Amino acid sequence: IANDVLLAAFRGGDAPQVAAQAVRAAQRIQSESAPLAE
């Protein structure tokens, strides 16, 4: 975490698995951060 930027990793499986996990996390952050920002 550096100031207002956070770097995260998904590394517990094969490429399709970790990529899907990252996408789902991004989708959740996108949807849940919007009402907080509002």
PDB file of all heavy atoms in Angstrom:
ATOM      1  N   ILE A   1       0.871  -1.173   0.000  1.00  0.00           N
ATOM      2  CA  ILE A   1       0.000   0.000   0.000  1.00  0.00           C
ATOM      3  C   ILE A   1       0.904   1.218   0.000  1.00  0.00           C
ATOM      4  O   ILE A   1       1.781   1.354   0.864  1.00  0.00           O
ATOM      5  CB  ILE A   1      -0.927   0.044   1.224  1.00  0.00           C
ATOM      6  CG1 ILE A   1      -1.840  -1.187   1.259  1.00  0.00           C
ATOM      7  CG2 ILE A   1      -1.762   1.329   1.221  1.00  0.00           C
ATOM      8  CD1 ILE A   1      -2.686  -1.275   2.524  1.00  0.00           C
ATOM      9  N   ALA A   2       0.736   2.088  -0.976  1.00  0.00           N
ATOM     10  CA  ALA A   2       1.517   3.320  -1.056  1.00  0.00           C
ATOM     11  C   ALA A   2       0.546   4.475  -1.268  1.00  0.00           C
ATOM     12  O   ALA A   2      -0.038   4.611  -2.343  1.00  0.00           O
ATOM     13  CB  ALA A   2       2.531   3.259  -2.193  1.00  0.00           C
ATOM     14  N   ASN A   3       0.376   5.281  -0.216  1.00  0.00           N
ATOM     15  CA  ASN A   3      -0.584   6.383  -0.260  1.00  0.00           C
ATOM     16  C   ASN A   3      -1.978   5.842  -0.571  1.00  0.00           C
ATOM     17  O   ASN A   3      -2.503   5.048   0.186  1.00  0.00           O
ATOM     18  CB  ASN A   3      -0.125   7.440  -1.261  1.00  0.00           C
ATOM     19  CG  ASN A   3       1.221   8.028  -0.883  1.00  0.00           C
ATOM     20  OD1 ASN A   3       1.496   8.254   0.291  1.00  0.00           O
ATOM     21  ND2 ASN A   3       2.078   8.270  -1.864  1.00  0.00           N
ATOM     22  N   ASP A   4      -2.577   6.241  -1.712  1.00  0.00           N
ATOM     23  CA  ASP A   4      -3.920   5.777  -2.027  1.00  0.00           C
ATOM     24  C   ASP A   4      -3.912   4.713  -3.127  1.00  0.00           C
ATOM     25  O   ASP A   4      -4.911   4.520  -3.823  1.00  0.00           O
ATOM     26  CB  ASP A   4      -4.824   6.949  -2.421  1.00  0.00           C
ATOM     27  CG  ASP A   4      -4.195   7.836  -3.479  1.00  0.00           C
ATOM     28  OD1 ASP A   4      -3.116   7.477  -4.002  1.00  0.00           O
ATOM     29  OD2 ASP A   4      -4.768   8.900  -3.779  1.00  0.00           O
ATOM     30  N   VAL A   5      -2.786   4.011  -3.288  1.00  0.00           N
ATOM     31  CA  VAL A   5      -2.669   2.944  -4.288  1.00  0.00           C
ATOM     32  C   VAL A   5      -2.333   1.633  -3.589  1.00  0.00           C
ATOM     33  O   VAL A   5      -1.428   1.576  -2.746  1.00  0.00           O
ATOM     34  CB  VAL A   5      -1.580   3.263  -5.330  1.00  0.00           C
ATOM     35  CG1 VAL A   5      -1.436   2.118  -6.328  1.00  0.00           C
ATOM     36  CG2 VAL A   5      -1.912   4.557  -6.061  1.00  0.00           C
ATOM     37  N   LEU A   6      -3.079   0.584  -3.927  1.00  0.00           N
ATOM     38  CA  LEU A   6      -2.885  -0.739  -3.332  1.00  0.00           C
ATOM     39  C   LEU A   6      -2.589  -1.747  -4.418  1.00  0.00           C
ATOM     40  O   LEU A   6      -3.263  -1.773  -5.452  1.00  0.00           O
ATOM     41  CB  LEU A   6      -4.134  -1.138  -2.550  1.00  0.00           C
ATOM     42  CG  LEU A   6      -4.142  -2.513  -1.861  1.00  0.00           C
ATOM     43  CD1 LEU A   6      -4.990  -2.451  -0.584  1.00  0.00           C
ATOM     44  CD2 LEU A   6      -4.686  -3.606  -2.779  1.00  0.00           C
ATOM     45  N   LEU A   7      -1.579  -2.590  -4.201  1.00  0.00           N
ATOM     46  CA  LEU A   7      -1.244  -3.680  -5.117  1.00  0.00           C
ATOM     47  C   LEU A   7      -1.582  -5.000  -4.445  1.00  0.00           C
ATOM     48  O   LEU A   7      -1.176  -5.237  -3.305  1.00  0.00           O
ATOM     49  CB  LEU A   7       0.246  -3.642  -5.484  1.00  0.00           C
ATOM     50  CG  LEU A   7       0.761  -4.825  -6.329  1.00  0.00           C
ATOM     51  CD1 LEU A   7       0.118  -4.833  -7.708  1.00  0.00           C
ATOM     52  CD2 LEU A   7       2.281  -4.763  -6.442  1.00  0.00           C
ATOM     53  N   ALA A   8      -2.329  -5.843  -5.149  1.00  0.00           N
ATOM     54  CA  ALA A   8      -2.733  -7.143  -4.619  1.00  0.00           C
ATOM     55  C   ALA A   8      -2.344  -8.243  -5.588  1.00  0.00           C
ATOM     56  O   ALA A   8      -2.151  -8.005  -6.786  1.00  0.00           O
ATOM     57  CB  ALA A   8      -4.241  -7.176  -4.376  1.00  0.00           C
ATOM     58  N   ALA A   9      -2.232  -9.470  -5.061  1.00  0.00           N
ATOM     59  CA  ALA A   9      -1.851 -10.616  -5.882  1.00  0.00           C
ATOM     60  C   ALA A   9      -2.774 -11.795  -5.623  1.00  0.00           C
ATOM     61  O   ALA A   9      -3.232 -12.007  -4.498  1.00  0.00           O
ATOM     62  CB  ALA A   9      -0.403 -11.013  -5.598  1.00  0.00           C
ATOM     63  N   PHE A  10      -3.001 -12.560  -6.683  1.00  0.00           N
ATOM     64  CA  PHE A  10      -3.739 -13.818  -6.621  1.00  0.00           C
ATOM     65  C   PHE A  10      -2.788 -14.862  -7.181  1.00  0.00           C
ATOM     66  O   PHE A  10      -2.440 -14.826  -8.358  1.00  0.00           O
ATOM     67  CB  PHE A  10      -5.021 -13.736  -7.451  1.00  0.00           C
ATOM     68  CG  PHE A  10      -5.946 -12.634  -7.016  1.00  0.00           C
ATOM     69  CD1 PHE A  10      -5.692 -11.319  -7.385  1.00  0.00           C
ATOM     70  CD2 PHE A  10      -7.049 -12.906  -6.228  1.00  0.00           C
ATOM     71  CE1 PHE A  10      -6.528 -10.286  -6.976  1.00  0.00           C
ATOM     72  CE2 PHE A  10      -7.897 -11.879  -5.812  1.00  0.00           C
ATOM     73  CZ  PHE A  10      -7.629 -10.572  -6.184  1.00  0.00           C
ATOM     74  N   ARG A  11      -2.356 -15.805  -6.351  1.00  0.00           N
ATOM     75  CA  ARG A  11      -1.293 -16.715  -6.765  1.00  0.00           C
ATOM     76  C   ARG A  11      -1.495 -18.132  -6.243  1.00  0.00           C
ATOM     77  O   ARG A  11      -0.551 -18.902  -6.139  1.00  0.00           O
ATOM     78  CB  ARG A  11       0.069 -16.172  -6.306  1.00  0.00           C
ATOM     79  CG  ARG A  11       0.175 -15.883  -4.811  1.00  0.00           C
ATOM     80  CD  ARG A  11       1.478 -15.195  -4.458  1.00  0.00           C
ATOM     81  NE  ARG A  11       1.586 -14.969  -3.013  1.00  0.00           N
ATOM     82  CZ  ARG A  11       2.635 -15.324  -2.280  1.00  0.00           C
ATOM     83  NH1 ARG A  11       3.671 -15.927  -2.842  1.00  0.00           N
ATOM     84  NH2 ARG A  11       2.671 -15.073  -0.988  1.00  0.00           N
ATOM     85  N   GLY A  12      -2.725 -18.494  -5.934  1.00  0.00           N
ATOM     86  CA  GLY A  12      -2.984 -19.793  -5.331  1.00  0.00           C
ATOM     87  C   GLY A  12      -3.501 -20.848  -6.288  1.00  0.00           C
ATOM     88  O   GLY A  12      -4.089 -21.841  -5.836  1.00  0.00           O
ATOM     89  N   GLY A  13      -3.319 -20.666  -7.591  1.00  0.00           N
ATOM     90  CA  GLY A  13      -3.819 -21.661  -8.527  1.00  0.00           C
ATOM     91  C   GLY A  13      -3.188 -21.485  -9.886  1.00  0.00           C
ATOM     92  O   GLY A  13      -2.187 -20.779 -10.036  1.00  0.00           O
ATOM     93  N   ASP A  14      -3.803 -22.117 -10.902  1.00  0.00           N
ATOM     94  CA  ASP A  14      -3.273 -21.966 -12.252  1.00  0.00           C
ATOM     95  C   ASP A  14      -3.731 -20.638 -12.841  1.00  0.00           C
ATOM     96  O   ASP A  14      -4.498 -19.891 -12.227  1.00  0.00           O
ATOM     97  CB  ASP A  14      -3.680 -23.144 -13.138  1.00  0.00           C
ATOM     98  CG  ASP A  14      -5.186 -23.318 -13.262  1.00  0.00           C
ATOM     99  OD1 ASP A  14      -5.937 -22.369 -12.953  1.00  0.00           O
ATOM    100  OD2 ASP A  14      -5.625 -24.405 -13.673  1.00  0.00           O
ATOM    101  N   ALA A  15      -3.244 -20.325 -14.041  1.00  0.00           N
ATOM    102  CA  ALA A  15      -3.508 -19.014 -14.637  1.00  0.00           C
ATOM    103  C   ALA A  15      -4.996 -18.710 -14.769  1.00  0.00           C
ATOM    104  O   ALA A  15      -5.440 -17.623 -14.375  1.00  0.00           O
ATOM    105  CB  ALA A  15      -2.798 -18.896 -15.988  1.00  0.00           C
ATOM    106  N   PRO A  16      -5.829 -19.612 -15.325  1.00  0.00           N
ATOM    107  CA  PRO A  16      -7.263 -19.295 -15.423  1.00  0.00           C
ATOM    108  C   PRO A  16      -7.910 -19.043 -14.061  1.00  0.00           C
ATOM    109  O   PRO A  16      -8.766 -18.166 -13.925  1.00  0.00           O
ATOM    110  CB  PRO A  16      -7.846 -20.539 -16.107  1.00  0.00           C
ATOM    111  CG  PRO A  16      -6.711 -21.124 -16.872  1.00  0.00           C
ATOM    112  CD  PRO A  16      -5.511 -20.883 -16.002  1.00  0.00           C
ATOM    113  N   GLN A  17      -7.494 -19.811 -13.053  1.00  0.00           N
ATOM    114  CA  GLN A  17      -8.101 -19.665 -11.734  1.00  0.00           C
ATOM    115  C   GLN A  17      -7.765 -18.321 -11.105  1.00  0.00           C
ATOM    116  O   GLN A  17      -8.654 -17.601 -10.628  1.00  0.00           O
ATOM    117  CB  GLN A  17      -7.636 -20.793 -10.813  1.00  0.00           C
ATOM    118  CG  GLN A  17      -8.216 -20.712  -9.401  1.00  0.00           C
ATOM    119  CD  GLN A  17      -7.729 -21.836  -8.509  1.00  0.00           C
ATOM    120  OE1 GLN A  17      -7.104 -22.783  -8.969  1.00  0.00           O
ATOM    121  NE2 GLN A  17      -8.002 -21.732  -7.225  1.00  0.00           N
ATOM    122  N   VAL A  18      -6.473 -17.973 -11.097  1.00  0.00           N
ATOM    123  CA  VAL A  18      -6.097 -16.721 -10.431  1.00  0.00           C
ATOM    124  C   VAL A  18      -6.588 -15.511 -11.214  1.00  0.00           C
ATOM    125  O   VAL A  18      -6.943 -14.476 -10.616  1.00  0.00           O
ATOM    126  CB  VAL A  18      -4.571 -16.642 -10.195  1.00  0.00           C
ATOM    127  CG1 VAL A  18      -4.122 -17.744  -9.253  1.00  0.00           C
ATOM    128  CG2 VAL A  18      -3.780 -16.697 -11.502  1.00  0.00           C
ATOM    129  N   ALA A  19      -6.634 -15.618 -12.557  1.00  0.00           N
ATOM    130  CA  ALA A  19      -7.158 -14.504 -13.346  1.00  0.00           C
ATOM    131  C   ALA A  19      -8.630 -14.277 -13.054  1.00  0.00           C
ATOM    132  O   ALA A  19      -9.083 -13.134 -12.914  1.00  0.00           O
ATOM    133  CB  ALA A  19      -6.940 -14.775 -14.835  1.00  0.00           C
ATOM    134  N   ALA A  20      -9.400 -15.365 -12.951  1.00  0.00           N
ATOM    135  CA  ALA A  20     -10.830 -15.241 -12.645  1.00  0.00           C
ATOM    136  C   ALA A  20     -11.044 -14.657 -11.254  1.00  0.00           C
ATOM    137  O   ALA A  20     -11.951 -13.844 -11.040  1.00  0.00           O
ATOM    138  CB  ALA A  20     -11.514 -16.607 -12.764  1.00  0.00           C
ATOM    139  N   GLN A  21     -10.211 -15.060 -10.306  1.00  0.00           N
ATOM    140  CA  GLN A  21     -10.318 -14.503  -8.955  1.00  0.00           C
ATOM    141  C   GLN A  21     -10.071 -13.001  -8.966  1.00  0.00           C
ATOM    142  O   GLN A  21     -10.795 -12.237  -8.305  1.00  0.00           O
ATOM    143  CB  GLN A  21      -9.319 -15.200  -8.026  1.00  0.00           C
ATOM    144  CG  GLN A  21      -9.658 -16.639  -7.699  1.00  0.00           C
ATOM    145  CD  GLN A  21      -8.541 -17.339  -6.956  1.00  0.00           C
ATOM    146  OE1 GLN A  21      -7.369 -16.978  -7.072  1.00  0.00           O
ATOM    147  NE2 GLN A  21      -8.887 -18.360  -6.184  1.00  0.00           N
ATOM    148  N   ALA A  22      -9.066 -12.569  -9.712  1.00  0.00           N
ATOM    149  CA  ALA A  22      -8.757 -11.146  -9.777  1.00  0.00           C
ATOM    150  C   ALA A  22      -9.893 -10.362 -10.418  1.00  0.00           C
ATOM    151  O   ALA A  22     -10.241  -9.265  -9.963  1.00  0.00           O
ATOM    152  CB  ALA A  22      -7.449 -10.929 -10.546  1.00  0.00           C
ATOM    153  N   VAL A  23     -10.480 -10.917 -11.476  1.00  0.00           N
ATOM    154  CA  VAL A  23     -11.593 -10.233 -12.154  1.00  0.00           C
ATOM    155  C   VAL A  23     -12.780 -10.105 -11.217  1.00  0.00           C
ATOM    156  O   VAL A  23     -13.401  -9.032 -11.111  1.00  0.00           O
ATOM    157  CB  VAL A  23     -11.993 -10.978 -13.435  1.00  0.00           C
ATOM    158  CG1 VAL A  23     -13.294 -10.403 -13.993  1.00  0.00           C
ATOM    159  CG2 VAL A  23     -10.887 -10.878 -14.478  1.00  0.00           C
ATOM    160  N   ARG A  24     -13.117 -11.194 -10.524  1.00  0.00           N
ATOM    161  CA  ARG A  24     -14.260 -11.129  -9.607  1.00  0.00           C
ATOM    162  C   ARG A  24     -14.013 -10.127  -8.483  1.00  0.00           C
ATOM    163  O   ARG A  24     -14.932  -9.406  -8.065  1.00  0.00           O
ATOM    164  CB  ARG A  24     -14.559 -12.523  -9.036  1.00  0.00           C
ATOM    165  CG  ARG A  24     -15.189 -13.477 -10.040  1.00  0.00           C
ATOM    166  CD  ARG A  24     -15.761 -14.701  -9.347  1.00  0.00           C
ATOM    167  NE  ARG A  24     -14.725 -15.498  -8.711  1.00  0.00           N
ATOM    168  CZ  ARG A  24     -14.127 -16.546  -9.269  1.00  0.00           C
ATOM    169  NH1 ARG A  24     -14.457 -16.911 -10.506  1.00  0.00           N
ATOM    170  NH2 ARG A  24     -13.202 -17.227  -8.622  1.00  0.00           N
ATOM    171  N   ALA A  25     -12.788 -10.063  -7.989  1.00  0.00           N
ATOM    172  CA  ALA A  25     -12.466  -9.087  -6.945  1.00  0.00           C
ATOM    173  C   ALA A  25     -12.624  -7.666  -7.481  1.00  0.00           C
ATOM    174  O   ALA A  25     -13.172  -6.787  -6.800  1.00  0.00           O
ATOM    175  CB  ALA A  25     -11.052  -9.314  -6.425  1.00  0.00           C
ATOM    176  N   ALA A  26     -12.152  -7.426  -8.701  1.00  0.00           N
ATOM    177  CA  ALA A  26     -12.281  -6.095  -9.302  1.00  0.00           C
ATOM    178  C   ALA A  26     -13.746  -5.728  -9.499  1.00  0.00           C
ATOM    179  O   ALA A  26     -14.143  -4.577  -9.272  1.00  0.00           O
ATOM    180  CB  ALA A  26     -11.535  -6.049 -10.632  1.00  0.00           C
ATOM    181  N   GLN A  27     -14.556  -6.693  -9.934  1.00  0.00           N
ATOM    182  CA  GLN A  27     -15.984  -6.433 -10.108  1.00  0.00           C
ATOM    183  C   GLN A  27     -16.628  -6.057  -8.781  1.00  0.00           C
ATOM    184  O   GLN A  27     -17.462  -5.144  -8.717  1.00  0.00           O
ATOM    185  CB  GLN A  27     -16.668  -7.661 -10.701  1.00  0.00           C
ATOM    186  CG  GLN A  27     -16.299  -7.944 -12.145  1.00  0.00           C
ATOM    187  CD  GLN A  27     -16.871  -9.257 -12.645  1.00  0.00           C
ATOM    188  OE1 GLN A  27     -16.866 -10.267 -11.928  1.00  0.00           O
ATOM    189  NE2 GLN A  27     -17.366  -9.264 -13.871  1.00  0.00           N
ATOM    190  N   ARG A  28     -16.245  -6.756  -7.738  1.00  0.00           N
ATOM    191  CA  ARG A  28     -16.819  -6.470  -6.422  1.00  0.00           C
ATOM    192  C   ARG A  28     -16.387  -5.092  -5.926  1.00  0.00           C
ATOM    193  O   ARG A  28     -17.196  -4.326  -5.397  1.00  0.00           O
ATOM    194  CB  ARG A  28     -16.392  -7.550  -5.429  1.00  0.00           C
ATOM    195  CG  ARG A  28     -16.885  -7.315  -4.020  1.00  0.00           C
ATOM    196  CD  ARG A  28     -16.670  -8.531  -3.146  1.00  0.00           C
ATOM    197  NE  ARG A  28     -17.007  -8.253  -1.756  1.00  0.00           N
ATOM    198  CZ  ARG A  28     -17.030  -9.161  -0.796  1.00  0.00           C
ATOM    199  NH1 ARG A  28     -16.746 -10.422  -1.071  1.00  0.00           N
ATOM    200  NH2 ARG A  28     -17.335  -8.826   0.440  1.00  0.00           N
ATOM    201  N   ILE A  29     -15.106  -4.770  -6.092  1.00  0.00           N
ATOM    202  CA  ILE A  29     -14.622  -3.449  -5.670  1.00  0.00           C
ATOM    203  C   ILE A  29     -15.330  -2.352  -6.451  1.00  0.00           C
ATOM    204  O   ILE A  29     -15.737  -1.329  -5.891  1.00  0.00           O
ATOM    205  CB  ILE A  29     -13.096  -3.359  -5.862  1.00  0.00           C
ATOM    206  CG1 ILE A  29     -12.386  -4.310  -4.900  1.00  0.00           C
ATOM    207  CG2 ILE A  29     -12.610  -1.925  -5.646  1.00  0.00           C
ATOM    208  CD1 ILE A  29     -10.907  -4.485  -5.188  1.00  0.00           C
ATOM    209  N   GLN A  30     -15.494  -2.558  -7.762  1.00  0.00           N
ATOM    210  CA  GLN A  30     -16.157  -1.558  -8.596  1.00  0.00           C
ATOM    211  C   GLN A  30     -17.590  -1.315  -8.132  1.00  0.00           C
ATOM    212  O   GLN A  30     -18.029  -0.167  -8.009  1.00  0.00           O
ATOM    213  CB  GLN A  30     -16.143  -1.998 -10.053  1.00  0.00           C
ATOM    214  CG  GLN A  30     -16.701  -0.938 -11.015  1.00  0.00           C
ATOM    215  CD  GLN A  30     -16.734  -1.430 -12.446  1.00  0.00           C
ATOM    216  OE1 GLN A  30     -17.223  -2.527 -12.723  1.00  0.00           O
ATOM    217  NE2 GLN A  30     -16.201  -0.636 -13.364  1.00  0.00           N
ATOM    218  N   SER A  31     -18.323  -2.396  -7.860  1.00  0.00           N
ATOM    219  CA  SER A  31     -19.735  -2.242  -7.492  1.00  0.00           C
ATOM    220  C   SER A  31     -19.907  -1.722  -6.070  1.00  0.00           C
ATOM    221  O   SER A  31     -20.797  -0.901  -5.807  1.00  0.00           O
ATOM    222  CB  SER A  31     -20.468  -3.575  -7.661  1.00  0.00           C
ATOM    223  OG  SER A  31     -19.959  -4.554  -6.759  1.00  0.00           O
ATOM    224  N   GLU A  32     -19.067  -2.162  -5.141  1.00  0.00           N
ATOM    225  CA  GLU A  32     -19.256  -1.792  -3.741  1.00  0.00           C
ATOM    226  C   GLU A  32     -18.637  -0.436  -3.395  1.00  0.00           C
ATOM    227  O   GLU A  32     -19.061   0.203  -2.428  1.00  0.00           O
ATOM    228  CB  GLU A  32     -18.685  -2.883  -2.829  1.00  0.00           C
ATOM    229  CG  GLU A  32     -19.439  -4.204  -2.942  1.00  0.00           C
ATOM    230  CD  GLU A  32     -18.946  -5.241  -1.955  1.00  0.00           C
ATOM    231  OE1 GLU A  32     -18.002  -4.948  -1.196  1.00  0.00           O
ATOM    232  OE2 GLU A  32     -19.503  -6.351  -1.948  1.00  0.00           O
ATOM    233  N   SER A  33     -17.639  -0.006  -4.168  1.00  0.00           N
ATOM    234  CA  SER A  33     -17.039   1.292  -3.875  1.00  0.00           C
ATOM    235  C   SER A  33     -17.904   2.444  -4.371  1.00  0.00           C
ATOM    236  O   SER A  33     -17.811   3.565  -3.852  1.00  0.00           O
ATOM    237  CB  SER A  33     -15.644   1.390  -4.491  1.00  0.00           C
ATOM    238  OG  SER A  33     -15.698   1.317  -5.899  1.00  0.00           O
ATOM    239  N   ALA A  34     -18.760   2.179  -5.353  1.00  0.00           N
ATOM    240  CA  ALA A  34     -19.607   3.249  -5.899  1.00  0.00           C
ATOM    241  C   ALA A  34     -20.550   3.838  -4.857  1.00  0.00           C
ATOM    242  O   ALA A  34     -20.610   5.065  -4.701  1.00  0.00           O
ATOM    243  CB  ALA A  34     -20.378   2.740  -7.110  1.00  0.00           C
ATOM    244  N   PRO A  35     -21.318   3.023  -4.110  1.00  0.00           N
ATOM    245  CA  PRO A  35     -22.179   3.627  -3.083  1.00  0.00           C
ATOM    246  C   PRO A  35     -21.401   4.287  -1.961  1.00  0.00           C
ATOM    247  O   PRO A  35     -21.858   5.285  -1.387  1.00  0.00           O
ATOM    248  CB  PRO A  35     -23.016   2.437  -2.577  1.00  0.00           C
ATOM    249  CG  PRO A  35     -22.273   1.216  -2.998  1.00  0.00           C
ATOM    250  CD  PRO A  35     -21.567   1.576  -4.250  1.00  0.00           C
ATOM    251  N   LEU A  36     -20.228   3.753  -1.640  1.00  0.00           N
ATOM    252  CA  LEU A  36     -19.402   4.393  -0.621  1.00  0.00           C
ATOM    253  C   LEU A  36     -18.955   5.767  -1.092  1.00  0.00           C
ATOM    254  O   LEU A  36     -19.025   6.758  -0.349  1.00  0.00           O
ATOM    255  CB  LEU A  36     -18.180   3.517  -0.315  1.00  0.00           C
ATOM    256  CG  LEU A  36     -17.185   4.067   0.700  1.00  0.00           C
ATOM    257  CD1 LEU A  36     -17.840   4.234   2.066  1.00  0.00           C
ATOM    258  CD2 LEU A  36     -15.963   3.157   0.798  1.00  0.00           C
ATOM    259  N   ALA A  37     -18.526   5.860  -2.356  1.00  0.00           N
ATOM    260  CA  ALA A  37     -18.104   7.145  -2.909  1.00  0.00           C
ATOM    261  C   ALA A  37     -19.263   8.131  -2.971  1.00  0.00           C
ATOM    262  O   ALA A  37     -19.085   9.329  -2.721  1.00  0.00           O
ATOM    263  CB  ALA A  37     -17.515   6.937  -4.305  1.00  0.00           C
ATOM    264  N   GLU A  38     -20.452   7.636  -3.274  1.00  0.00           N
ATOM    265  CA  GLU A  38     -21.621   8.518  -3.332  1.00  0.00           C
ATOM    266  C   GLU A  38     -21.953   9.057  -1.941  1.00  0.00           C
ATOM    267  O   GLU A  38     -22.324  10.235  -1.792  1.00  0.00           O
ATOM    268  CB  GLU A  38     -22.817   7.767  -3.907  1.00  0.00           C
ATOM    269  CG  GLU A  38     -24.123   8.556  -3.934  1.00  0.00           C
ATOM    270  CD  GLU A  38     -24.051   9.840  -4.748  1.00  0.00           C
ATOM    271  OE1 GLU A  38     -23.136   9.974  -5.597  1.00  0.00           O
ATOM    272  OE2 GLU A  38     -24.914  10.716  -4.544  1.00  0.00           O
TER     273      GLU A  38
END
